[in-house]
C-alpha atoms as a PDB file:
ATOM      1  CA  MET A   1     -19.305 -30.221 -29.086  1.00  0.00           C
ATOM      2  CA  ASN A   2     -18.277 -27.988 -32.040  1.00  0.00           C
ATOM      3  CA  ARG A   3     -20.645 -27.403 -34.506  1.00  0.00           C
ATOM      4  CA  LEU A   4     -18.522 -26.942 -37.500  1.00  0.00           C
ATOM      5  CA  LEU A   5     -16.874 -30.536 -36.474  1.00  0.00           C
ATOM      6  CA  LEU A   6     -20.689 -32.114 -36.988  1.00  0.00           C
ATOM      7  CA  ASP A   7     -20.953 -30.681 -40.351  1.00  0.00           C
ATOM      8  CA  THR A   8     -17.850 -31.784 -41.439  1.00  0.00           C
ATOM      9  CA  LEU A   9     -18.898 -35.453 -40.616  1.00  0.00           C
ATOM     10  CA  ALA A  10     -20.686 -37.763 -42.851  1.00  0.00           C
ATOM     11  CA  ASP A  11     -24.378 -39.434 -41.547  1.00  0.00           C
ATOM     12  CA  ASN A  12     -22.954 -42.795 -40.433  1.00  0.00           C
ATOM     13  CA  GLU A  13     -19.520 -40.882 -39.135  1.00  0.00           C
ATOM     14  CA  PHE A  14     -18.544 -40.271 -35.633  1.00  0.00           C
ATOM     15  CA  HIS A  15     -15.404 -39.393 -33.595  1.00  0.00           C
ATOM     16  CA  LYS A  16     -13.689 -39.629 -30.511  1.00  0.00           C
ATOM     17  CA  TRP A  17     -10.664 -37.476 -29.554  1.00  0.00           C
ATOM     18  CA  ALA A  18      -6.972 -38.924 -29.914  1.00  0.00           C
ATOM     19  CA  THR A  19      -5.820 -40.611 -26.913  1.00  0.00           C
ATOM     20  CA  ARG A  20      -3.066 -37.993 -25.722  1.00  0.00           C
ATOM     21  CA  HIS A  21      -3.806 -34.664 -27.514  1.00  0.00           C
ATOM     22  CA  GLU A  22      -7.301 -32.841 -27.598  1.00  0.00           C
ATOM     23  CA  GLN A  23      -6.426 -31.156 -30.750  1.00  0.00           C
ATOM     24  CA  TYR A  24      -7.259 -34.180 -33.145  1.00  0.00           C
ATOM     25  CA  ALA A  25     -10.419 -35.792 -33.704  1.00  0.00           C
ATOM     26  CA  VAL A  26     -10.459 -39.700 -35.068  1.00  0.00           C
ATOM     27  CA  THR A  27     -13.371 -40.514 -36.783  1.00  0.00           C
ATOM     28  CA  ASN A  28     -14.614 -44.479 -37.148  1.00  0.00           C
ATOM     29  CA  LEU A  29     -14.434 -44.070 -40.933  1.00  0.00           C
ATOM     30  CA  GLY A  30     -10.531 -43.260 -40.440  1.00  0.00           C
ATOM     31  CA  ARG A  31     -10.357 -39.120 -40.829  1.00  0.00           C
ATOM     32  CA  VAL A  32      -8.245 -37.289 -38.921  1.00  0.00           C
ATOM     33  CA  ILE A  33      -9.560 -34.005 -38.311  1.00  0.00           C
ATOM     34  CA  SER A  34      -7.839 -30.845 -36.737  1.00  0.00           C
ATOM     35  CA  MET A  35      -9.379 -28.573 -34.061  1.00  0.00           C
ATOM     36  CA  LYS A  36      -6.200 -26.253 -34.319  1.00  0.00           C
ATOM     37  CA  ARG A  37      -7.801 -23.752 -36.356  1.00  0.00           C
ATOM     38  CA  GLU A  38     -11.562 -21.695 -36.078  1.00  0.00           C
ATOM     39  CA  THR A  39     -13.060 -24.190 -38.455  1.00  0.00           C
ATOM     40  CA  PRO A  40     -11.966 -28.218 -38.215  1.00  0.00           C
ATOM     41  CA  ARG A  41     -10.085 -29.691 -40.908  1.00  0.00           C
ATOM     42  CA  VAL A  42      -9.727 -32.592 -42.423  1.00  0.00           C
ATOM     43  CA  LEU A  43      -5.921 -34.201 -42.471  1.00  0.00           C
ATOM     44  CA  ARG A  44      -4.676 -35.763 -45.936  1.00  0.00           C
ATOM     45  CA  PRO A  45      -3.073 -39.028 -45.099  1.00  0.00           C
ATOM     46  CA  TRP A  46      -0.660 -40.465 -47.391  1.00  0.00           C
ATOM     47  CA  TYR A  47       0.388 -43.713 -48.015  1.00  0.00           C
ATOM     48  CA  HIS A  48       3.621 -45.084 -46.365  1.00  0.00           C
ATOM     49  CA  THR A  49       6.570 -47.182 -48.300  1.00  0.00           C
ATOM     50  CA  ASP A  50       4.604 -50.544 -46.127  1.00  0.00           C
ATOM     51  CA  GLY A  51       1.115 -49.364 -47.872  1.00  0.00           C
ATOM     52  CA  TYR A  52      -0.698 -48.015 -44.714  1.00  0.00           C
ATOM     53  CA  GLU A  53      -1.896 -44.889 -44.083  1.00  0.00           C
ATOM     54  CA  ARG A  54      -0.250 -42.114 -42.356  1.00  0.00           C
ATOM     55  CA  VAL A  55      -0.504 -38.110 -41.095  1.00  0.00           C
ATOM     56  CA  SER A  56       1.636 -35.790 -39.415  1.00  0.00           C
ATOM     57  CA  LEU A  57       0.230 -34.468 -36.303  1.00  0.00           C
ATOM     58  CA  TYR A  58       1.901 -31.564 -34.225  1.00  0.00           C
ATOM     59  CA  TRP A  59       2.645 -32.868 -30.552  1.00  0.00           C
ATOM     60  CA  PRO A  60       3.997 -30.445 -27.833  1.00  0.00           C
ATOM     61  CA  ASN A  61       7.606 -32.003 -28.122  1.00  0.00           C
ATOM     62  CA  GLY A  62       7.241 -31.730 -32.328  1.00  0.00           C
ATOM     63  CA  LYS A  63       5.828 -32.835 -35.003  1.00  0.00           C
ATOM     64  CA  ARG A  64       5.440 -37.027 -35.302  1.00  0.00           C
ATOM     65  CA  LYS A  65       4.062 -39.162 -38.245  1.00  0.00           C
ATOM     66  CA  GLU A  66       0.944 -41.500 -37.071  1.00  0.00           C
ATOM     67  CA  TYR A  67      -0.238 -44.407 -38.697  1.00  0.00           C
ATOM     68  CA  VAL A  68      -4.213 -43.449 -38.997  1.00  0.00           C
ATOM     69  CA  HIS A  69      -4.804 -47.263 -38.186  1.00  0.00           C
ATOM     70  CA  ARG A  70      -3.315 -46.611 -35.001  1.00  0.00           C
ATOM     71  CA  LEU A  71      -5.064 -43.704 -34.184  1.00  0.00           C
ATOM     72  CA  VAL A  72      -8.392 -45.367 -34.898  1.00  0.00           C
ATOM     73  CA  GLY A  73      -7.708 -48.536 -32.526  1.00  0.00           C
ATOM     74  CA  LYS A  74      -6.366 -46.090 -29.778  1.00  0.00           C
ATOM     75  CA  ALA A  75      -9.739 -44.274 -29.767  1.00  0.00           C
ATOM     76  CA  PHE A  76     -12.246 -46.853 -30.491  1.00  0.00           C
ATOM     77  CA  PHE A  77     -11.050 -50.130 -28.623  1.00  0.00           C
ATOM     78  CA  PRO A  78      -9.460 -49.005 -25.275  1.00  0.00           C
ATOM     79  CA  GLY A  79      -6.641 -51.612 -24.329  1.00  0.00           C
ATOM     80  CA  TYR A  80      -6.064 -51.678 -28.383  1.00  0.00           C
ATOM     81  CA  PHE A  81      -2.174 -50.169 -27.849  1.00  0.00           C
END
C-alpha cells in the first residue's frame, strides 16, 4: 500500500479501489482519492442539482461524472449495483 495514501487517511478511515479503474480509491467516509500522480490527491466533490455529491473521473474512454455514494456503494457493498 502506498505510504502517502495512508498519510492522507484519518484514523478511522480506510479505502478500497474504485471498481473499474485502479487510479482512484474510495474511502468509507466518502472521500475519493486520485492516485494518478506521485502524491495522492483528494478530489473535491460538488453538489449536483439533485443534492448528491459528484466527482469527475477520467477513464480510458474519457471524462465521467460519478456520484460519490455510488462509488462508495460499489467499493464497499458487493452486489450493490
